[in-house]
Protein backbone atom coordinates (compact mmCIF):
# COMPACT_ATOMS: atom_id res chain seq x y z
CA UNK A 1 15.52 21.91 -12.77
CA UNK A 2 15.79 18.45 -11.12
CA UNK A 3 13.87 19.63 -8.04
CA UNK A 4 11.11 21.08 -10.26
CA UNK A 5 10.92 17.87 -12.26
CA UNK A 6 10.62 15.78 -9.21
CA UNK A 7 7.54 18.25 -7.99
CA UNK A 8 5.89 17.73 -11.55
CA UNK A 9 6.18 14.04 -11.21
CA UNK A 10 4.77 14.22 -7.55
CA UNK A 11 1.95 16.35 -8.66
CA UNK A 12 1.06 14.20 -11.64
CA UNK A 13 1.06 11.16 -9.33
CA UNK A 14 -1.27 12.89 -6.93
CA UNK A 15 -3.78 13.71 -9.49
CA UNK A 16 -3.65 10.33 -10.89
CA UNK A 17 -4.48 8.90 -7.53
CA UNK A 18 -7.25 11.43 -6.93
CA UNK A 19 -8.80 10.59 -10.42
CA UNK A 20 -8.57 6.68 -9.68
CA UNK A 21 -9.74 7.18 -5.94
CA UNK A 22 -6.51 5.12 -5.13
CA UNK A 23 -4.73 5.91 -1.92
CA UNK A 24 -1.55 8.12 -2.44
CA UNK A 25 1.49 6.21 -1.26
CA UNK A 26 4.42 8.28 0.18
CA UNK A 27 7.79 5.85 0.15
CA UNK A 28 10.24 8.05 1.81
CA UNK A 29 10.58 10.73 4.51
CA UNK A 30 12.13 13.09 2.04
CA UNK A 31 9.11 12.70 -0.34
CA UNK A 32 6.89 13.48 2.70
CA UNK A 33 8.66 16.65 3.34
CA UNK A 34 8.58 17.68 -0.60
CA UNK A 35 4.76 17.13 -0.66
CA UNK A 36 4.20 18.95 2.48
CA UNK A 37 6.21 21.96 1.32
CA UNK A 38 9.09 21.47 3.92
CA UNK A 39 12.75 21.84 3.60
CA UNK A 40 14.77 18.62 2.91
CA UNK A 41 15.14 16.31 6.06
CA UNK A 42 18.56 16.34 7.81
CA UNK A 43 18.35 12.54 8.06
CA UNK A 44 16.78 10.24 5.48
CA UNK A 45 15.38 7.82 7.99
CA UNK A 46 14.12 9.93 10.89
CA UNK A 47 12.55 13.36 11.07
CA UNK A 48 10.80 15.58 13.67
CA UNK A 49 8.44 18.13 12.03
CA UNK A 50 6.84 21.34 13.47
CA UNK A 51 3.23 20.60 12.73
CA UNK A 52 2.49 24.36 12.20
CA UNK A 53 4.85 24.26 9.15
CA UNK A 54 2.96 21.45 7.30
CA UNK A 55 0.96 22.59 4.44
CA UNK A 56 -2.72 21.48 4.31
CA UNK A 57 -5.41 21.96 1.58
CA UNK A 58 -9.13 21.10 1.57
CA UNK A 59 -8.33 19.67 -1.89
CA UNK A 60 -6.45 16.77 -0.22
CA UNK A 61 -9.83 15.65 1.44
CA UNK A 62 -10.42 13.69 -1.87
CA UNK A 63 -7.43 11.26 -1.27
CA UNK A 64 -6.42 8.71 1.22
CA UNK A 65 -2.80 8.20 2.28
CA UNK A 66 -0.33 5.52 2.97
CA UNK A 67 2.87 5.99 4.45
CA UNK A 68 5.98 3.49 4.27
CA UNK A 69 7.32 4.45 7.73
CA UNK A 70 6.08 5.00 11.25
CA UNK A 71 4.26 8.31 12.29
CA UNK A 72 3.88 9.45 15.80
CA UNK A 73 2.06 12.79 16.19
CA UNK A 74 0.94 15.22 18.70
CA UNK A 75 -1.41 17.81 17.01
CA UNK A 76 -3.61 20.67 18.02
CA UNK A 77 -6.02 21.63 15.45
CA UNK A 78 -9.84 22.32 15.63
CA UNK A 79 -10.56 22.09 11.98
CA UNK A 80 -9.92 18.45 11.01
CA UNK A 81 -11.26 15.11 11.19
CA UNK A 82 -9.36 11.67 10.47
CA UNK A 83 -10.32 8.49 9.29
CA UNK A 84 -8.08 5.56 9.89
CA UNK A 85 -8.65 1.91 8.56
CA UNK A 86 -12.08 3.16 7.34
CA UNK A 87 -13.10 4.29 10.75
CA UNK A 88 -13.38 7.78 12.38
CA UNK A 89 -10.47 8.29 14.51
CA UNK A 90 -10.97 9.99 17.87
CA UNK A 91 -9.03 13.20 16.44
CA UNK A 92 -9.65 16.32 18.16
CA UNK A 93 -7.78 19.28 19.83
CA UNK A 94 -4.63 18.18 21.59
CA UNK A 95 -4.27 14.48 20.85
CA UNK A 96 -1.47 12.06 20.14
CA UNK A 97 -1.75 9.15 17.65
CA UNK A 98 0.31 6.47 16.11
CA UNK A 99 0.36 4.81 12.53
CA UNK A 100 2.52 2.05 11.26
CA UNK A 101 3.81 1.59 7.72
CA UNK A 102 1.27 0.52 5.10
CA UNK A 103 -1.81 1.85 7.00
CA UNK A 104 -4.43 3.91 5.28
CA UNK A 105 -5.67 7.12 6.58
CA UNK A 106 -7.50 10.41 5.53
CA UNK A 107 -7.58 13.97 7.04
CA UNK A 108 -10.49 15.99 6.12
CA UNK A 109 -9.75 19.58 6.52
CA UNK A 110 -12.44 22.22 6.58
CA UNK A 111 -12.92 24.80 3.85
CA UNK A 112 -11.57 27.32 6.30
CA UNK A 113 -8.26 26.33 7.67
CA UNK A 114 -7.85 26.87 11.49
CA UNK A 115 -6.10 30.07 12.39
CA UNK A 116 -3.61 28.04 14.32
CA UNK A 117 -2.27 24.52 14.34
CA UNK A 118 0.67 23.36 16.32
CA UNK A 119 2.27 20.07 17.60
CA UNK A 120 4.71 17.78 16.16
CA UNK A 121 5.26 14.82 13.80
CA UNK A 122 7.93 12.09 14.35
CA UNK A 123 8.57 10.13 11.24
CA UNK A 124 10.70 6.99 11.59
CA UNK A 125 11.56 4.58 8.65
CA UNK A 126 11.68 0.98 9.47
CA UNK A 127 15.23 0.62 7.96
CA UNK A 128 16.31 2.83 10.86
CA UNK A 129 15.37 0.10 13.31
CA UNK A 130 16.84 -2.85 11.58
CA UNK A 131 19.50 -4.72 13.47
CA UNK A 132 18.18 -3.33 16.77
CA UNK A 133 15.79 -4.95 19.40
CA UNK A 134 13.14 -2.25 18.69
CA UNK A 135 12.70 -3.55 15.25
CA UNK A 136 10.84 -6.58 16.69
CA UNK A 137 9.39 -4.99 19.79
CA UNK A 138 7.79 -1.99 18.24
CA UNK A 139 5.18 -4.30 16.77
CA UNK A 140 3.95 -5.45 20.23
CA UNK A 141 2.62 -1.95 20.92
CA UNK A 142 -1.04 -2.08 20.15
CA UNK A 143 -1.73 1.43 19.57
CA UNK A 144 0.04 0.95 16.06
CA UNK A 145 -2.93 -1.39 15.21
CA UNK A 146 -5.99 -0.59 13.20
CA UNK A 147 -8.12 -2.21 15.94
CA UNK A 148 -7.33 0.93 18.23
CA UNK A 149 -9.12 3.95 16.93
CA UNK A 150 -8.86 6.24 19.96
CA UNK A 151 -6.45 8.95 20.24
CA UNK A 152 -4.30 9.57 23.34
CA UNK A 153 -5.24 12.50 25.31
CA UNK A 154 -2.39 13.76 27.53
CA UNK A 155 -2.25 15.70 30.64
CA UNK A 156 -0.17 18.98 30.81
CA UNK A 157 2.58 17.15 32.68
CA UNK A 158 2.44 13.91 30.36
CA UNK A 159 2.70 16.30 27.31
CA UNK A 160 5.92 17.84 28.76
CA UNK A 161 7.35 14.40 29.40
CA UNK A 162 6.77 13.27 25.85
CA UNK A 163 7.69 16.49 24.15
CA UNK A 164 11.12 16.37 26.06
CA UNK A 165 11.76 13.09 24.61
CA UNK A 166 10.99 14.39 20.99
CA UNK A 167 13.44 17.35 21.73
CA UNK A 168 16.09 14.94 22.66
CA UNK A 169 15.68 12.94 19.49
CA UNK A 170 15.52 16.04 17.27
CA UNK A 171 18.73 17.25 19.01
CA UNK A 172 20.66 14.02 18.64
CA UNK A 173 20.10 13.88 14.94
CA UNK A 174 20.75 17.47 14.37
CA UNK A 175 24.23 16.95 16.09
CA UNK A 176 27.23 15.44 14.39
CA UNK A 177 26.37 11.75 13.59
CA UNK A 178 28.63 9.28 15.20
CA UNK A 179 28.74 5.47 16.10
CA UNK A 180 26.64 6.39 19.32
CA UNK A 181 23.98 8.30 17.54
CA UNK A 182 21.69 5.57 16.34
CA UNK A 183 21.79 3.72 19.96
CA UNK A 184 20.91 7.03 21.55
CA UNK A 185 18.00 7.67 19.21
CA UNK A 186 16.65 4.22 19.60
CA UNK A 187 16.87 4.42 23.45
CA UNK A 188 14.78 7.61 23.36
CA UNK A 189 12.22 5.90 20.88
CA UNK A 190 11.75 3.16 23.28
CA UNK A 191 11.26 5.41 26.09
CA UNK A 192 8.75 7.44 24.02
CA UNK A 193 6.65 4.15 23.19
CA UNK A 194 6.89 3.10 26.91
CA UNK A 195 5.59 6.07 28.32
CA UNK A 196 2.83 6.22 25.46
CA UNK A 197 1.83 2.70 26.53
CA UNK A 198 1.62 3.82 30.22
CA UNK A 199 -0.70 6.78 29.21
CA UNK A 200 -2.83 4.57 27.03
CA UNK A 201 -3.31 2.12 29.66
CA UNK A 202 -4.32 4.86 32.13
CA UNK A 203 -6.77 6.39 29.62
CA UNK A 204 -8.12 3.29 28.19
CA UNK A 205 -7.97 0.70 30.64
CA UNK A 206 -11.69 -0.01 30.23
CA UNK A 207 -11.75 1.07 26.47
CA UNK A 208 -13.84 -1.00 23.86
CA UNK A 209 -11.80 -1.67 20.87
CA UNK A 210 -13.49 -1.68 17.61
CA UNK A 211 -12.01 -3.68 14.69
CA UNK A 212 -12.02 -3.15 10.93
CA UNK A 213 -12.26 -7.05 10.84
CA UNK A 214 -10.65 -7.76 7.39
CA UNK A 215 -7.61 -5.62 8.04
CA UNK A 216 -7.02 -6.82 11.68
CA UNK A 217 -7.71 -10.47 10.78
CA UNK A 218 -5.42 -10.25 7.69
CA UNK A 219 -2.60 -9.16 9.88
CA UNK A 220 -3.15 -11.88 12.23
CA UNK A 221 -3.38 -14.47 9.82
CA UNK A 222 -0.08 -13.32 8.06
CA UNK A 223 1.78 -12.91 11.47
CA UNK A 224 0.88 -16.45 12.38
CA UNK A 225 1.73 -17.98 9.09
CA UNK A 226 5.08 -16.28 8.88
CA UNK A 227 5.82 -17.39 12.45
CA UNK A 228 5.08 -20.98 11.77
CA UNK A 229 6.96 -23.91 10.06
CA UNK A 230 4.60 -23.63 7.47
CA UNK A 231 6.39 -21.08 5.68
CA UNK A 232 9.60 -23.29 5.29
CA UNK A 233 7.52 -26.35 4.44
CA UNK A 234 4.94 -25.10 2.02
CA UNK A 235 6.29 -21.66 0.81
CA UNK A 236 4.46 -18.30 0.89
CA UNK A 237 0.65 -18.51 1.59
CA UNK A 238 -1.37 -18.13 -1.56
CA UNK A 239 -4.15 -15.75 -1.88
CA UNK A 240 -6.52 -18.44 -1.88
CA UNK A 241 -5.10 -19.67 1.62
CA UNK A 242 -5.54 -16.23 2.96
CA UNK A 243 -8.94 -15.78 1.59
CA UNK A 244 -10.15 -19.07 3.15
CA UNK A 245 -8.67 -18.25 6.41
CA UNK A 246 -10.76 -14.89 6.27
CA UNK A 247 -13.83 -16.62 5.05
CA UNK A 248 -14.12 -14.43 1.91
CA UNK A 249 -13.45 -15.15 -1.85
CA UNK A 250 -9.92 -14.35 -3.31
CA UNK A 251 -11.69 -11.69 -5.70
CA UNK A 252 -13.47 -10.09 -2.98
CA UNK A 253 -10.36 -9.95 -0.64
CA UNK A 254 -8.03 -8.54 -3.48
CA UNK A 255 -10.73 -5.88 -4.40
CA UNK A 256 -11.28 -4.94 -0.75
CA UNK A 257 -7.93 -4.52 0.07
CA UNK A 258 -7.03 -2.58 -3.24
CA UNK A 259 -9.83 -0.22 -2.35
CA UNK A 260 -8.59 0.23 1.26
CA UNK A 261 -4.63 0.09 0.92
CA UNK A 262 -3.91 0.37 -2.97
CA UNK A 263 -2.30 -3.00 -2.62
CA UNK A 264 -3.39 -6.48 -3.72
CA UNK A 265 -3.34 -9.52 -1.45
CA UNK A 266 -0.21 -10.88 -3.16
CA UNK A 267 1.33 -7.43 -2.32
CA UNK A 268 0.64 -7.63 1.35
CA UNK A 269 2.04 -11.34 1.57
CA UNK A 270 5.25 -9.92 -0.29
CA UNK A 271 5.54 -6.94 2.10
CA UNK A 272 5.27 -9.38 5.08
CA UNK A 273 7.91 -11.72 3.47
CA UNK A 274 10.35 -8.66 3.05
CA UNK A 275 9.82 -7.74 6.69
CA UNK A 276 10.74 -11.21 7.71
CA UNK A 277 13.87 -11.23 5.42
CA UNK A 278 15.02 -8.05 6.67
CA UNK A 279 14.79 -9.30 10.22
CA UNK A 280 16.74 -12.42 9.56
CA UNK A 281 19.39 -10.41 7.44
CA UNK A 282 20.15 -8.15 10.34
CA UNK A 283 19.67 -10.28 13.40
CA UNK A 284 21.17 -13.56 12.38
CA UNK A 285 24.27 -14.82 10.59
CA UNK A 286 22.33 -17.22 8.25
CA UNK A 287 23.56 -16.96 4.60
CA UNK A 288 21.27 -15.54 1.96
CA UNK A 289 20.64 -19.07 0.65
CA UNK A 290 19.56 -20.40 4.00
CA UNK A 291 17.32 -17.49 4.63
CA UNK A 292 15.72 -18.04 1.17
CA UNK A 293 15.06 -21.61 1.95
CA UNK A 294 13.77 -20.74 5.41
CA UNK A 295 11.27 -18.50 3.70
CA UNK A 296 9.86 -20.99 1.46
CA UNK A 297 11.91 -20.37 -1.68
CA UNK A 298 13.20 -23.37 -3.86
CA UNK A 299 15.81 -21.14 -5.66
CA UNK A 300 17.61 -18.31 -3.68
CA UNK A 301 18.02 -16.34 -6.86
CA UNK A 302 14.11 -15.97 -6.83
CA UNK A 303 14.39 -14.57 -3.22
CA UNK A 304 17.05 -12.12 -4.23
CA UNK A 305 15.23 -10.91 -7.19
CA UNK A 306 12.13 -10.25 -5.31
CA UNK A 307 14.03 -8.59 -2.49
CA UNK A 308 15.76 -6.35 -4.92
CA UNK A 309 12.62 -5.35 -6.57
CA UNK A 310 11.04 -4.34 -3.25
CA UNK A 311 14.06 -2.72 -1.59
CA UNK A 312 16.35 -1.53 -4.59
CA UNK A 313 19.10 -3.55 -2.69
CA UNK A 314 20.29 -7.15 -2.95
CA UNK A 315 20.07 -9.11 0.44
CA UNK A 316 23.90 -8.78 0.99
CA UNK A 317 23.79 -4.92 0.28
CA UNK A 318 21.09 -4.58 2.73
CA UNK A 319 23.05 -6.64 5.26
CA UNK A 320 26.21 -4.94 4.67
CA UNK A 321 24.55 -1.36 4.99
CA UNK A 322 24.35 -2.15 8.76
CA UNK A 323 27.93 -3.35 9.26
């Protein structure tokens, strides 16, 4: 009964998003499995999915999607087109592509589904990476950026290399979990990303990168601000500040972001804040109060309240979950 209730709620949310033309946000890997008609994931924060088992429907063409976790895919299908960050993605038969949390995409499936589609999808929740060096370095791989809209085409030999790494990851989380499991999987993820960077460099060494300017520049402005002393000295950036940095009006920016991502400018700022807070909670020994002041909060209680609203955990509960 509970399962049927969850499916009903998911269906109602989906129909509401279709009606309002808003992106449909999938917050957890378990929710992704449910929506795509898959069995429950064996691990809540990481999953390898056989693409042939994923349920597709032309009715989903009406909707854009946002995932709150990383997605790395290798797909073979001849009857689908993908739009990523409001641009057509070079999505064709036998390609690999990468998406970071919070990015908007849509997949248009033809009225007649392809007879066969194969490949795999690797889903990794950011919380799986916290307290590891990869939590920081994963952001350095440019193929997770909106500004890259070329898919990665692999040779047969390259595909075998990548697929073997995926099999290693799948085998590890299917085995009995012990204190070494996360480190082993993280090492395989780092190897996967490094090989992917090598193959991208080989394929696109002379490529032209097209930008969705607002989305790319917004990310740059937020990253620069949250890495500077301005955060501690003056607090969170205002919507007015972000809009001026992008040379648009606050109302135009919020309206554009809402239509593209389903989130307001303020929500984007808060997401960046929580990302920074998680990093400090898992990689430093600073107290919660010190972290709050460093993030520009006058009162630590305000920081803790926002953090719990966004993550359902207090800052200390989040930190202790990694100990």
